[in-house]
Amino acid sequence: MYEYLLVTGAPGSRWSGVANGVYQSPDVNSSDYKKKNTYYFDEEDIDDPDIRPNHQGTYFGMGQEYGTKKEDWDIPFKKKKGLKIIKSHDFAYQLNHLKSFKQPILLVYRPPIDCYDWWHEAGGWKIKYPNYLHYHDDDYLFLEIENQCNEIQRFIHQERKHIMRVDNLYDLCYNIGIKTPKNVYSITGGSHWHYEEKDTKVYLWTYD
């Protein structure tokens, strides 16, 4: 089994939703979970034990508690066993460097304007976790979304021989080499949650 799954996507790309599905696998190390580091799109869901946070697990990078350097990745985890999910928007700018670790890289893409609109629909500047205040305002946010999307697209093009497109959570877990969560039906809101149905494209880079 791999030690890490490196995840990136622009704000509003639905990357957190994709990562959350993987987070429920019994093979994933979820010992980084902290209730204070969660966010629900609908605050009424907070007290419902059957509804999972829309944002959970550690986010790394600018404005967050931990940076993106390799030495920061293990710090939030209380246990060693299991695949560790390392999420960062900043990884979009570090993809060629990340290849050197030979760990799978999960890339989530949506067109920039769709990312921007969905980010605001999901809470925008009221999102409590992760921290987005370092994006300052809507204009700078959109510029960052565009830049991150462009970097992800460029990497996908350059690394076509090492990249596959995955359609759903089953497909993703299989290609990472981990068990699929037992409760996929509830995780995905009563469907297999094909990523394309959510206007989301998901790609997996692997070293071979």
N, C-alpha and C. Protein backbone atom coordinates (compact mmCIF):
# COMPACT_ATOMS: atom_id res chain seq x y z
N MET A 1 0.84 -1.20 0.00
CA MET A 1 0.00 0.00 0.00
C MET A 1 0.87 1.26 0.00
N TYR A 2 0.42 2.27 -0.69
CA TYR A 2 1.11 3.54 -0.67
C TYR A 2 1.06 4.16 0.73
N GLU A 3 1.99 5.06 0.99
CA GLU A 3 2.00 5.76 2.27
C GLU A 3 1.11 7.01 2.23
N TYR A 4 1.09 7.67 1.07
CA TYR A 4 0.34 8.92 0.94
C TYR A 4 -0.51 8.93 -0.33
N LEU A 5 -1.58 9.71 -0.26
CA LEU A 5 -2.34 10.11 -1.44
C LEU A 5 -2.30 11.63 -1.45
N LEU A 6 -1.66 12.21 -2.46
CA LEU A 6 -1.53 13.66 -2.57
C LEU A 6 -2.69 14.18 -3.41
N VAL A 7 -3.40 15.16 -2.89
CA VAL A 7 -4.65 15.61 -3.52
C VAL A 7 -4.59 17.11 -3.78
N THR A 8 -5.03 17.50 -4.98
CA THR A 8 -5.14 18.93 -5.27
C THR A 8 -6.32 19.21 -6.20
N GLY A 9 -6.76 20.43 -6.15
CA GLY A 9 -7.85 20.93 -6.97
C GLY A 9 -8.05 22.38 -6.59
N ALA A 10 -8.58 23.16 -7.47
CA ALA A 10 -8.83 24.58 -7.18
C ALA A 10 -10.00 24.72 -6.22
N PRO A 11 -10.09 25.83 -5.50
CA PRO A 11 -11.27 26.08 -4.68
C PRO A 11 -12.54 25.96 -5.52
N GLY A 12 -13.50 25.20 -5.03
CA GLY A 12 -14.76 25.02 -5.75
C GLY A 12 -14.75 23.91 -6.78
N SER A 13 -13.67 23.15 -6.84
CA SER A 13 -13.57 22.05 -7.83
C SER A 13 -14.28 20.79 -7.35
N ARG A 14 -14.79 20.80 -6.14
CA ARG A 14 -15.38 19.63 -5.47
C ARG A 14 -14.30 18.62 -5.06
N TRP A 15 -13.08 19.09 -4.93
CA TRP A 15 -11.99 18.21 -4.55
C TRP A 15 -12.17 17.65 -3.15
N SER A 16 -12.75 18.44 -2.25
CA SER A 16 -12.98 17.95 -0.89
C SER A 16 -13.96 16.78 -0.89
N GLY A 17 -15.00 16.87 -1.72
CA GLY A 17 -15.98 15.79 -1.81
C GLY A 17 -15.34 14.51 -2.31
N VAL A 18 -14.48 14.64 -3.31
CA VAL A 18 -13.79 13.47 -3.85
C VAL A 18 -12.88 12.85 -2.78
N ALA A 19 -12.12 13.70 -2.09
CA ALA A 19 -11.22 13.22 -1.04
C ALA A 19 -12.00 12.61 0.13
N ASN A 20 -13.15 13.19 0.45
CA ASN A 20 -13.94 12.67 1.57
C ASN A 20 -14.39 11.24 1.33
N GLY A 21 -14.71 10.92 0.09
CA GLY A 21 -15.11 9.56 -0.22
C GLY A 21 -13.99 8.58 0.11
N VAL A 22 -12.77 8.92 -0.32
CA VAL A 22 -11.62 8.06 -0.06
C VAL A 22 -11.34 7.98 1.44
N TYR A 23 -11.57 9.07 2.14
CA TYR A 23 -11.29 9.18 3.58
C TYR A 23 -12.04 8.13 4.40
N GLN A 24 -13.16 7.62 3.85
CA GLN A 24 -13.98 6.65 4.57
C GLN A 24 -13.48 5.22 4.40
N SER A 25 -12.49 4.99 3.56
CA SER A 25 -11.95 3.65 3.38
C SER A 25 -11.31 3.15 4.67
N PRO A 26 -11.49 1.88 5.01
CA PRO A 26 -10.85 1.34 6.21
C PRO A 26 -9.33 1.29 6.10
N ASP A 27 -8.80 1.47 4.90
CA ASP A 27 -7.35 1.46 4.70
C ASP A 27 -6.73 2.85 4.85
N VAL A 28 -7.57 3.85 5.08
CA VAL A 28 -7.08 5.23 5.19
C VAL A 28 -6.81 5.58 6.66
N ASN A 29 -5.73 6.28 6.89
CA ASN A 29 -5.38 6.78 8.22
C ASN A 29 -6.16 8.07 8.47
N SER A 30 -7.16 7.99 9.31
CA SER A 30 -8.00 9.17 9.61
C SER A 30 -7.69 9.74 11.00
N SER A 31 -6.52 9.43 11.51
CA SER A 31 -6.17 9.89 12.86
C SER A 31 -5.84 11.39 12.90
N ASP A 32 -5.92 12.06 11.77
CA ASP A 32 -5.72 13.52 11.74
C ASP A 32 -7.03 14.26 11.97
N TYR A 33 -8.14 13.52 12.12
CA TYR A 33 -9.46 14.15 12.25
C TYR A 33 -9.55 14.95 13.54
N LYS A 34 -10.02 16.18 13.42
CA LYS A 34 -10.31 17.03 14.58
C LYS A 34 -11.65 17.71 14.32
N LYS A 35 -12.53 17.66 15.30
CA LYS A 35 -13.85 18.25 15.10
C LYS A 35 -13.77 19.73 14.78
N LYS A 36 -12.79 20.41 15.37
CA LYS A 36 -12.68 21.86 15.12
C LYS A 36 -12.23 22.14 13.68
N ASN A 37 -11.63 21.14 13.04
CA ASN A 37 -11.19 21.29 11.65
C ASN A 37 -12.18 20.63 10.71
N THR A 38 -13.43 21.04 10.83
CA THR A 38 -14.48 20.55 9.95
C THR A 38 -15.34 21.72 9.50
N TYR A 39 -16.08 21.48 8.43
CA TYR A 39 -17.00 22.51 7.94
C TYR A 39 -18.18 21.84 7.27
N TYR A 40 -19.37 22.30 7.62
CA TYR A 40 -20.62 21.83 7.01
C TYR A 40 -21.21 22.95 6.17
N PHE A 41 -21.63 22.63 4.96
CA PHE A 41 -22.28 23.64 4.13
C PHE A 41 -23.52 24.17 4.82
N ASP A 42 -24.25 23.28 5.48
CA ASP A 42 -25.46 23.64 6.20
C ASP A 42 -25.22 23.45 7.70
N GLU A 43 -25.20 24.52 8.47
CA GLU A 43 -24.88 24.45 9.89
C GLU A 43 -25.87 23.58 10.67
N GLU A 44 -27.06 23.38 10.13
CA GLU A 44 -28.04 22.53 10.80
C GLU A 44 -27.60 21.07 10.82
N ASP A 45 -26.65 20.71 9.96
CA ASP A 45 -26.18 19.33 9.89
C ASP A 45 -25.15 18.99 10.96
N ILE A 46 -24.62 19.99 11.62
CA ILE A 46 -23.53 19.77 12.57
C ILE A 46 -23.89 18.77 13.66
N ASP A 47 -25.11 18.83 14.16
CA ASP A 47 -25.51 17.97 15.26
C ASP A 47 -26.13 16.65 14.82
N ASP A 48 -26.13 16.40 13.52
CA ASP A 48 -26.69 15.14 13.00
C ASP A 48 -25.55 14.15 12.81
N PRO A 49 -25.49 13.09 13.63
CA PRO A 49 -24.38 12.13 13.55
C PRO A 49 -24.34 11.34 12.24
N ASP A 50 -25.44 11.35 11.50
CA ASP A 50 -25.49 10.61 10.24
C ASP A 50 -24.98 11.41 9.05
N ILE A 51 -24.70 12.70 9.27
CA ILE A 51 -24.22 13.55 8.18
C ILE A 51 -22.76 13.91 8.43
N ARG A 52 -21.93 13.60 7.47
CA ARG A 52 -20.49 13.87 7.60
C ARG A 52 -20.18 15.30 7.18
N PRO A 53 -19.10 15.85 7.73
CA PRO A 53 -18.70 17.20 7.33
C PRO A 53 -18.36 17.25 5.84
N ASN A 54 -18.61 18.38 5.22
CA ASN A 54 -18.22 18.56 3.82
C ASN A 54 -16.71 18.76 3.70
N HIS A 55 -16.12 19.35 4.72
CA HIS A 55 -14.67 19.49 4.80
C HIS A 55 -14.21 18.81 6.08
N GLN A 56 -13.28 17.88 5.97
CA GLN A 56 -12.75 17.20 7.15
C GLN A 56 -11.35 16.69 6.84
N GLY A 57 -10.62 16.35 7.88
CA GLY A 57 -9.23 15.96 7.68
C GLY A 57 -8.37 17.20 7.47
N THR A 58 -7.09 17.03 7.53
CA THR A 58 -6.16 18.16 7.48
C THR A 58 -6.00 18.72 6.07
N TYR A 59 -5.99 20.04 5.99
CA TYR A 59 -5.64 20.75 4.76
C TYR A 59 -4.27 21.40 4.98
N PHE A 60 -3.43 21.33 3.98
CA PHE A 60 -2.06 21.83 4.09
C PHE A 60 -1.87 23.03 3.15
N GLY A 61 -0.88 23.86 3.48
CA GLY A 61 -0.53 24.93 2.56
C GLY A 61 -0.71 26.31 3.13
N MET A 62 -0.64 27.30 2.25
CA MET A 62 -0.74 28.70 2.66
C MET A 62 -2.02 28.97 3.43
N GLY A 63 -1.88 29.63 4.57
CA GLY A 63 -3.03 29.97 5.40
C GLY A 63 -3.49 28.87 6.32
N GLN A 64 -2.89 27.67 6.21
CA GLN A 64 -3.30 26.53 7.03
C GLN A 64 -2.30 26.30 8.16
N GLU A 65 -2.63 25.37 9.02
CA GLU A 65 -1.79 25.08 10.18
C GLU A 65 -0.45 24.46 9.79
N TYR A 66 -0.47 23.68 8.70
CA TYR A 66 0.74 22.98 8.27
C TYR A 66 1.08 23.35 6.82
N GLY A 67 2.38 23.38 6.53
CA GLY A 67 2.83 23.70 5.19
C GLY A 67 2.80 22.48 4.28
N THR A 68 3.36 22.64 3.08
CA THR A 68 3.31 21.56 2.10
C THR A 68 4.63 20.79 1.99
N LYS A 69 5.62 21.13 2.78
CA LYS A 69 6.88 20.40 2.72
C LYS A 69 6.69 18.97 3.26
N LYS A 70 7.48 18.06 2.75
CA LYS A 70 7.36 16.65 3.12
C LYS A 70 7.42 16.45 4.63
N GLU A 71 8.25 17.22 5.31
CA GLU A 71 8.40 17.04 6.75
C GLU A 71 7.15 17.45 7.54
N ASP A 72 6.22 18.15 6.89
CA ASP A 72 4.98 18.55 7.56
C ASP A 72 3.87 17.51 7.44
N TRP A 73 4.00 16.60 6.49
CA TRP A 73 2.88 15.74 6.15
C TRP A 73 2.44 14.82 7.29
N ASP A 74 3.37 14.31 8.07
CA ASP A 74 3.04 13.34 9.11
C ASP A 74 2.57 13.97 10.42
N ILE A 75 2.83 15.24 10.59
CA ILE A 75 2.60 15.89 11.90
C ILE A 75 1.17 15.76 12.42
N PRO A 76 0.13 15.96 11.62
CA PRO A 76 -1.23 15.92 12.17
C PRO A 76 -1.73 14.53 12.54
N PHE A 77 -1.05 13.49 12.09
CA PHE A 77 -1.54 12.13 12.28
C PHE A 77 -1.06 11.53 13.59
N LYS A 78 -2.00 11.01 14.37
CA LYS A 78 -1.68 10.42 15.66
C LYS A 78 -1.22 8.97 15.52
N LYS A 79 -1.55 8.34 14.40
CA LYS A 79 -1.18 6.96 14.16
C LYS A 79 -0.33 6.86 12.89
N LYS A 80 0.39 5.77 12.74
CA LYS A 80 1.26 5.58 11.58
C LYS A 80 0.61 4.72 10.50
N LYS A 81 -0.25 3.81 10.88
CA LYS A 81 -0.79 2.83 9.95
C LYS A 81 -1.87 3.42 9.05
N GLY A 82 -1.83 3.07 7.77
CA GLY A 82 -2.87 3.48 6.84
C GLY A 82 -2.41 4.57 5.88
N LEU A 83 -3.12 4.66 4.77
CA LEU A 83 -2.85 5.68 3.75
C LEU A 83 -3.19 7.06 4.29
N LYS A 84 -2.26 7.99 4.19
CA LYS A 84 -2.47 9.35 4.67
C LYS A 84 -2.84 10.25 3.49
N ILE A 85 -3.98 10.94 3.62
CA ILE A 85 -4.42 11.85 2.57
C ILE A 85 -3.87 13.25 2.85
N ILE A 86 -3.08 13.75 1.93
CA ILE A 86 -2.45 15.07 2.08
C ILE A 86 -3.06 16.00 1.03
N LYS A 87 -3.87 16.95 1.48
CA LYS A 87 -4.62 17.83 0.59
C LYS A 87 -4.05 19.24 0.60
N SER A 88 -3.86 19.81 -0.57
CA SER A 88 -3.43 21.20 -0.64
C SER A 88 -3.76 21.82 -1.99
N HIS A 89 -4.34 23.01 -1.96
CA HIS A 89 -4.50 23.77 -3.20
C HIS A 89 -3.13 24.10 -3.79
N ASP A 90 -2.16 24.34 -2.91
CA ASP A 90 -0.83 24.74 -3.35
C ASP A 90 -0.11 23.65 -4.15
N PHE A 91 -0.52 22.41 -3.98
CA PHE A 91 0.11 21.33 -4.74
C PHE A 91 -0.03 21.53 -6.25
N ALA A 92 -1.03 22.29 -6.67
CA ALA A 92 -1.21 22.55 -8.10
C ALA A 92 0.04 23.19 -8.72
N TYR A 93 0.80 23.92 -7.87
CA TYR A 93 2.00 24.59 -8.35
C TYR A 93 3.26 23.74 -8.13
N GLN A 94 3.11 22.57 -7.54
CA GLN A 94 4.26 21.76 -7.16
C GLN A 94 4.24 20.36 -7.78
N LEU A 95 3.43 20.17 -8.80
CA LEU A 95 3.17 18.82 -9.30
C LEU A 95 4.42 18.12 -9.82
N ASN A 96 5.25 18.82 -10.54
CA ASN A 96 6.47 18.18 -11.05
C ASN A 96 7.40 17.76 -9.92
N HIS A 97 7.44 18.56 -8.87
CA HIS A 97 8.24 18.21 -7.69
C HIS A 97 7.64 17.01 -6.97
N LEU A 98 6.33 16.96 -6.86
CA LEU A 98 5.67 15.89 -6.13
C LEU A 98 5.89 14.53 -6.77
N LYS A 99 6.14 14.50 -8.07
CA LYS A 99 6.39 13.23 -8.75
C LYS A 99 7.56 12.48 -8.12
N SER A 100 8.52 13.20 -7.58
CA SER A 100 9.73 12.57 -7.05
C SER A 100 9.45 11.68 -5.84
N PHE A 101 8.30 11.87 -5.19
CA PHE A 101 7.97 11.05 -4.03
C PHE A 101 7.34 9.71 -4.42
N LYS A 102 6.98 9.58 -5.70
CA LYS A 102 6.44 8.33 -6.24
C LYS A 102 5.18 7.86 -5.51
N GLN A 103 4.40 8.81 -5.04
CA GLN A 103 3.12 8.54 -4.40
C GLN A 103 2.00 8.98 -5.35
N PRO A 104 0.84 8.34 -5.30
CA PRO A 104 -0.23 8.73 -6.23
C PRO A 104 -0.68 10.17 -6.00
N ILE A 105 -0.99 10.83 -7.10
CA ILE A 105 -1.47 12.23 -7.04
C ILE A 105 -2.88 12.27 -7.62
N LEU A 106 -3.80 12.76 -6.83
CA LEU A 106 -5.20 12.88 -7.25
C LEU A 106 -5.47 14.32 -7.67
N LEU A 107 -5.93 14.49 -8.91
CA LEU A 107 -6.16 15.83 -9.47
C LEU A 107 -7.64 15.98 -9.79
N VAL A 108 -8.25 17.02 -9.27
CA VAL A 108 -9.68 17.25 -9.49
C VAL A 108 -9.84 18.55 -10.28
N TYR A 109 -10.60 18.47 -11.37
CA TYR A 109 -10.71 19.63 -12.27
C TYR A 109 -12.15 19.96 -12.61
N ARG A 110 -12.45 21.24 -12.58
CA ARG A 110 -13.67 21.81 -13.14
C ARG A 110 -13.28 23.13 -13.79
N PRO A 111 -14.05 23.63 -14.76
CA PRO A 111 -13.73 24.93 -15.36
C PRO A 111 -13.70 26.02 -14.29
N PRO A 112 -12.81 27.00 -14.41
CA PRO A 112 -12.65 28.02 -13.39
C PRO A 112 -13.94 28.73 -12.96
N ILE A 113 -14.79 29.12 -13.91
CA ILE A 113 -16.00 29.84 -13.52
C ILE A 113 -16.95 28.95 -12.73
N ASP A 114 -16.97 27.64 -13.04
CA ASP A 114 -17.79 26.70 -12.27
C ASP A 114 -17.23 26.54 -10.86
N CYS A 115 -15.90 26.50 -10.75
CA CYS A 115 -15.27 26.44 -9.43
C CYS A 115 -15.64 27.67 -8.60
N TYR A 116 -15.52 28.82 -9.22
CA TYR A 116 -15.79 30.08 -8.53
C TYR A 116 -17.24 30.13 -8.04
N ASP A 117 -18.17 29.78 -8.91
CA ASP A 117 -19.59 29.82 -8.53
C ASP A 117 -19.91 28.82 -7.43
N TRP A 118 -19.37 27.60 -7.53
CA TRP A 118 -19.67 26.58 -6.53
C TRP A 118 -19.03 26.93 -5.18
N TRP A 119 -17.84 27.51 -5.20
CA TRP A 119 -17.17 27.90 -3.95
C TRP A 119 -18.04 28.90 -3.19
N HIS A 120 -18.62 29.84 -3.89
CA HIS A 120 -19.51 30.81 -3.23
C HIS A 120 -20.80 30.14 -2.77
N GLU A 121 -21.32 29.23 -3.56
CA GLU A 121 -22.54 28.52 -3.17
C GLU A 121 -22.31 27.67 -1.92
N ALA A 122 -21.10 27.15 -1.78
CA ALA A 122 -20.76 26.30 -0.64
C ALA A 122 -20.45 27.08 0.63
N GLY A 123 -20.47 28.40 0.54
CA GLY A 123 -20.22 29.21 1.73
C GLY A 123 -19.31 30.39 1.48
N GLY A 124 -18.47 30.30 0.46
CA GLY A 124 -17.61 31.43 0.12
C GLY A 124 -16.74 31.88 1.29
N TRP A 125 -16.75 33.16 1.53
CA TRP A 125 -15.90 33.74 2.57
C TRP A 125 -16.35 33.35 3.97
N LYS A 126 -17.49 32.70 4.09
CA LYS A 126 -17.96 32.22 5.40
C LYS A 126 -17.43 30.83 5.73
N ILE A 127 -16.74 30.20 4.77
CA ILE A 127 -16.16 28.87 5.03
C ILE A 127 -15.16 28.98 6.19
N LYS A 128 -15.38 28.16 7.20
CA LYS A 128 -14.55 28.23 8.40
C LYS A 128 -13.30 27.35 8.32
N TYR A 129 -13.36 26.31 7.50
CA TYR A 129 -12.22 25.43 7.35
C TYR A 129 -12.29 24.74 5.99
N PRO A 130 -11.19 24.76 5.23
CA PRO A 130 -9.91 25.40 5.51
C PRO A 130 -10.00 26.92 5.44
N ASN A 131 -8.91 27.56 5.78
CA ASN A 131 -8.85 29.02 5.79
C ASN A 131 -8.62 29.55 4.37
N TYR A 132 -9.47 30.47 3.94
CA TYR A 132 -9.34 31.07 2.60
C TYR A 132 -9.04 32.57 2.64
N LEU A 133 -8.81 33.11 3.82
CA LEU A 133 -8.67 34.56 3.93
C LEU A 133 -7.44 35.09 3.19
N HIS A 134 -6.45 34.23 2.95
CA HIS A 134 -5.24 34.70 2.25
C HIS A 134 -5.51 34.97 0.77
N TYR A 135 -6.71 34.62 0.27
CA TYR A 135 -7.08 34.96 -1.10
C TYR A 135 -7.66 36.38 -1.19
N HIS A 136 -7.89 37.00 -0.06
CA HIS A 136 -8.21 38.43 0.06
C HIS A 136 -9.57 38.86 -0.48
N ASP A 137 -9.81 38.68 -1.77
CA ASP A 137 -11.07 39.15 -2.34
C ASP A 137 -11.45 38.30 -3.55
N ASP A 138 -12.63 38.55 -4.12
CA ASP A 138 -13.12 37.71 -5.22
C ASP A 138 -12.23 37.76 -6.45
N ASP A 139 -11.66 38.91 -6.74
CA ASP A 139 -10.82 39.03 -7.94
C ASP A 139 -9.56 38.18 -7.81
N TYR A 140 -8.91 38.26 -6.65
CA TYR A 140 -7.70 37.47 -6.45
C TYR A 140 -8.03 35.98 -6.37
N LEU A 141 -9.16 35.67 -5.73
CA LEU A 141 -9.61 34.28 -5.65
C LEU A 141 -9.77 33.69 -7.05
N PHE A 142 -10.46 34.42 -7.93
CA PHE A 142 -10.70 33.90 -9.27
C PHE A 142 -9.39 33.73 -10.04
N LEU A 143 -8.46 34.68 -9.86
CA LEU A 143 -7.15 34.56 -10.50
C LEU A 143 -6.45 33.29 -10.04
N GLU A 144 -6.50 33.01 -8.75
CA GLU A 144 -5.88 31.81 -8.21
C GLU A 144 -6.56 30.55 -8.75
N ILE A 145 -7.87 30.56 -8.83
CA ILE A 145 -8.60 29.42 -9.39
C ILE A 145 -8.15 29.17 -10.83
N GLU A 146 -8.09 30.23 -11.62
CA GLU A 146 -7.64 30.10 -13.01
C GLU A 146 -6.23 29.52 -13.08
N ASN A 147 -5.33 30.06 -12.28
CA ASN A 147 -3.95 29.62 -12.30
C ASN A 147 -3.81 28.15 -11.89
N GLN A 148 -4.51 27.78 -10.83
CA GLN A 148 -4.44 26.39 -10.37
C GLN A 148 -5.02 25.42 -11.39
N CYS A 149 -6.12 25.80 -11.99
CA CYS A 149 -6.72 24.96 -13.04
C CYS A 149 -5.77 24.81 -14.22
N ASN A 150 -5.12 25.89 -14.60
CA ASN A 150 -4.18 25.83 -15.72
C ASN A 150 -3.00 24.92 -15.42
N GLU A 151 -2.48 25.00 -14.20
CA GLU A 151 -1.35 24.15 -13.81
C GLU A 151 -1.76 22.68 -13.81
N ILE A 152 -2.95 22.39 -13.34
CA ILE A 152 -3.44 21.01 -13.32
C ILE A 152 -3.62 20.49 -14.74
N GLN A 153 -4.21 21.30 -15.61
CA GLN A 153 -4.39 20.88 -17.00
C GLN A 153 -3.05 20.64 -17.69
N ARG A 154 -2.10 21.51 -17.43
CA ARG A 154 -0.78 21.39 -18.06
C ARG A 154 -0.10 20.08 -17.61
N PHE A 155 -0.21 19.77 -16.34
CA PHE A 155 0.39 18.55 -15.81
C PHE A 155 -0.28 17.31 -16.41
N ILE A 156 -1.59 17.33 -16.51
CA ILE A 156 -2.31 16.20 -17.10
C ILE A 156 -1.86 15.97 -18.54
N HIS A 157 -1.68 17.05 -19.27
CA HIS A 157 -1.23 16.93 -20.66
C HIS A 157 0.19 16.36 -20.73
N GLN A 158 1.07 16.89 -19.88
CA GLN A 158 2.47 16.47 -19.92
C GLN A 158 2.66 15.03 -19.46
N GLU A 159 1.80 14.59 -18.56
CA GLU A 159 1.98 13.27 -17.93
C GLU A 159 0.96 12.25 -18.41
N ARG A 160 0.47 12.39 -19.62
CA ARG A 160 -0.60 11.54 -20.10
C ARG A 160 -0.30 10.05 -19.98
N LYS A 161 0.97 9.66 -20.10
CA LYS A 161 1.33 8.25 -20.03
C LYS A 161 1.20 7.69 -18.62
N HIS A 162 1.16 8.58 -17.64
CA HIS A 162 1.10 8.14 -16.24
C HIS A 162 -0.24 8.47 -15.58
N ILE A 163 -1.16 9.02 -16.35
CA ILE A 163 -2.41 9.50 -15.77
C ILE A 163 -3.60 8.72 -16.32
N MET A 164 -4.52 8.41 -15.43
CA MET A 164 -5.78 7.79 -15.84
C MET A 164 -6.92 8.65 -15.31
N ARG A 165 -8.02 8.63 -16.01
CA ARG A 165 -9.21 9.31 -15.53
C ARG A 165 -10.08 8.29 -14.80
N VAL A 166 -10.54 8.65 -13.61
CA VAL A 166 -11.36 7.74 -12.82
C VAL A 166 -12.79 8.25 -12.78
N ASP A 167 -13.76 7.33 -12.79
CA ASP A 167 -15.16 7.70 -12.95
C ASP A 167 -15.93 7.83 -11.65
N ASN A 168 -15.52 7.08 -10.62
CA ASN A 168 -16.29 7.06 -9.38
C ASN A 168 -15.41 6.58 -8.24
N LEU A 169 -15.99 6.51 -7.05
CA LEU A 169 -15.23 6.14 -5.86
C LEU A 169 -14.70 4.71 -5.93
N TYR A 170 -15.50 3.80 -6.48
CA TYR A 170 -15.05 2.42 -6.63
C TYR A 170 -13.78 2.37 -7.49
N ASP A 171 -13.85 3.04 -8.62
CA ASP A 171 -12.74 3.07 -9.57
C ASP A 171 -11.50 3.69 -8.93
N LEU A 172 -11.71 4.76 -8.19
CA LEU A 172 -10.60 5.47 -7.57
C LEU A 172 -9.91 4.59 -6.51
N CYS A 173 -10.69 4.00 -5.62
CA CYS A 173 -10.10 3.16 -4.57
C CYS A 173 -9.37 1.97 -5.16
N TYR A 174 -9.94 1.36 -6.19
CA TYR A 174 -9.31 0.21 -6.83
C TYR A 174 -7.93 0.58 -7.38
N ASN A 175 -7.84 1.71 -8.02
CA ASN A 175 -6.58 2.10 -8.65
C ASN A 175 -5.55 2.63 -7.67
N ILE A 176 -6.00 3.04 -6.49
CA ILE A 176 -5.06 3.42 -5.44
C ILE A 176 -4.58 2.17 -4.71
N GLY A 177 -5.40 1.12 -4.76
CA GLY A 177 -5.05 -0.12 -4.09
C GLY A 177 -5.55 -0.20 -2.67
N ILE A 178 -6.71 0.43 -2.41
CA ILE A 178 -7.30 0.38 -1.07
C ILE A 178 -8.73 -0.14 -1.16
N LYS A 179 -9.26 -0.55 -0.01
CA LYS A 179 -10.62 -1.06 0.05
C LYS A 179 -11.63 0.09 -0.15
N THR A 180 -12.71 -0.22 -0.84
CA THR A 180 -13.79 0.75 -1.00
C THR A 180 -14.56 0.86 0.32
N PRO A 181 -14.96 2.05 0.72
CA PRO A 181 -15.78 2.17 1.94
C PRO A 181 -17.02 1.30 1.86
N LYS A 182 -17.42 0.72 2.98
CA LYS A 182 -18.58 -0.17 2.99
C LYS A 182 -19.88 0.59 2.75
N ASN A 183 -19.92 1.83 3.13
CA ASN A 183 -21.15 2.61 3.07
C ASN A 183 -21.15 3.63 1.94
N VAL A 184 -20.68 3.21 0.77
CA VAL A 184 -20.60 4.13 -0.37
C VAL A 184 -21.96 4.76 -0.67
N TYR A 185 -23.00 3.98 -0.57
CA TYR A 185 -24.34 4.47 -0.92
C TYR A 185 -24.73 5.68 -0.07
N SER A 186 -24.43 5.63 1.22
CA SER A 186 -24.78 6.77 2.08
C SER A 186 -23.80 7.92 1.91
N ILE A 187 -22.53 7.58 1.66
CA ILE A 187 -21.51 8.62 1.47
C ILE A 187 -21.85 9.50 0.27
N THR A 188 -22.36 8.87 -0.77
CA THR A 188 -22.61 9.58 -2.02
C THR A 188 -24.05 10.07 -2.14
N GLY A 189 -24.80 10.01 -1.05
CA GLY A 189 -26.17 10.52 -1.07
C GLY A 189 -27.13 9.68 -1.87
N GLY A 190 -26.89 8.38 -1.90
CA GLY A 190 -27.84 7.48 -2.55
C GLY A 190 -27.56 7.21 -4.01
N SER A 191 -26.29 7.31 -4.41
CA SER A 191 -25.93 7.01 -5.80
C SER A 191 -24.50 6.50 -5.83
N HIS A 192 -24.07 6.04 -6.97
CA HIS A 192 -22.67 5.65 -7.12
C HIS A 192 -21.79 6.88 -7.29
N TRP A 193 -22.41 8.04 -7.43
CA TRP A 193 -21.72 9.32 -7.55
C TRP A 193 -20.63 9.27 -8.61
N HIS A 194 -21.06 9.10 -9.84
CA HIS A 194 -20.13 9.22 -10.95
C HIS A 194 -19.70 10.69 -11.00
N TYR A 195 -18.41 10.91 -11.01
CA TYR A 195 -17.89 12.28 -10.92
C TYR A 195 -18.40 13.16 -12.05
N GLU A 196 -18.55 12.58 -13.22
CA GLU A 196 -19.02 13.35 -14.37
C GLU A 196 -20.42 13.90 -14.12
N GLU A 197 -21.23 13.17 -13.34
CA GLU A 197 -22.58 13.66 -13.02
C GLU A 197 -22.54 14.93 -12.18
N LYS A 198 -21.43 15.14 -11.51
CA LYS A 198 -21.24 16.35 -10.71
C LYS A 198 -20.40 17.38 -11.46
N ASP A 199 -20.31 17.21 -12.79
CA ASP A 199 -19.51 18.12 -13.61
C ASP A 199 -18.08 18.23 -13.11
N THR A 200 -17.56 17.09 -12.66
CA THR A 200 -16.22 17.05 -12.09
C THR A 200 -15.38 16.00 -12.81
N LYS A 201 -14.16 16.36 -13.15
CA LYS A 201 -13.24 15.41 -13.77
C LYS A 201 -12.14 15.07 -12.77
N VAL A 202 -11.93 13.78 -12.61
CA VAL A 202 -10.97 13.30 -11.60
C VAL A 202 -9.91 12.45 -12.29
N TYR A 203 -8.66 12.79 -12.01
CA TYR A 203 -7.53 12.10 -12.64
C TYR A 203 -6.58 11.58 -11.56
N LEU A 204 -5.93 10.48 -11.86
CA LEU A 204 -4.98 9.88 -10.93
C LEU A 204 -3.64 9.68 -11.62
N TRP A 205 -2.60 10.28 -11.04
CA TRP A 205 -1.24 10.07 -11.52
C TRP A 205 -0.58 9.01 -10.66
N THR A 206 0.07 8.05 -11.28
CA THR A 206 0.81 7.04 -10.54
C THR A 206 2.17 6.84 -11.19
N TYR A 207 3.13 6.52 -10.36
CA TYR A 207 4.49 6.25 -10.85
C TYR A 207 4.57 4.79 -11.29
N ASP A 208 5.07 4.54 -12.48
CA ASP A 208 5.30 3.16 -12.91
C ASP A 208 6.49 3.10 -13.86
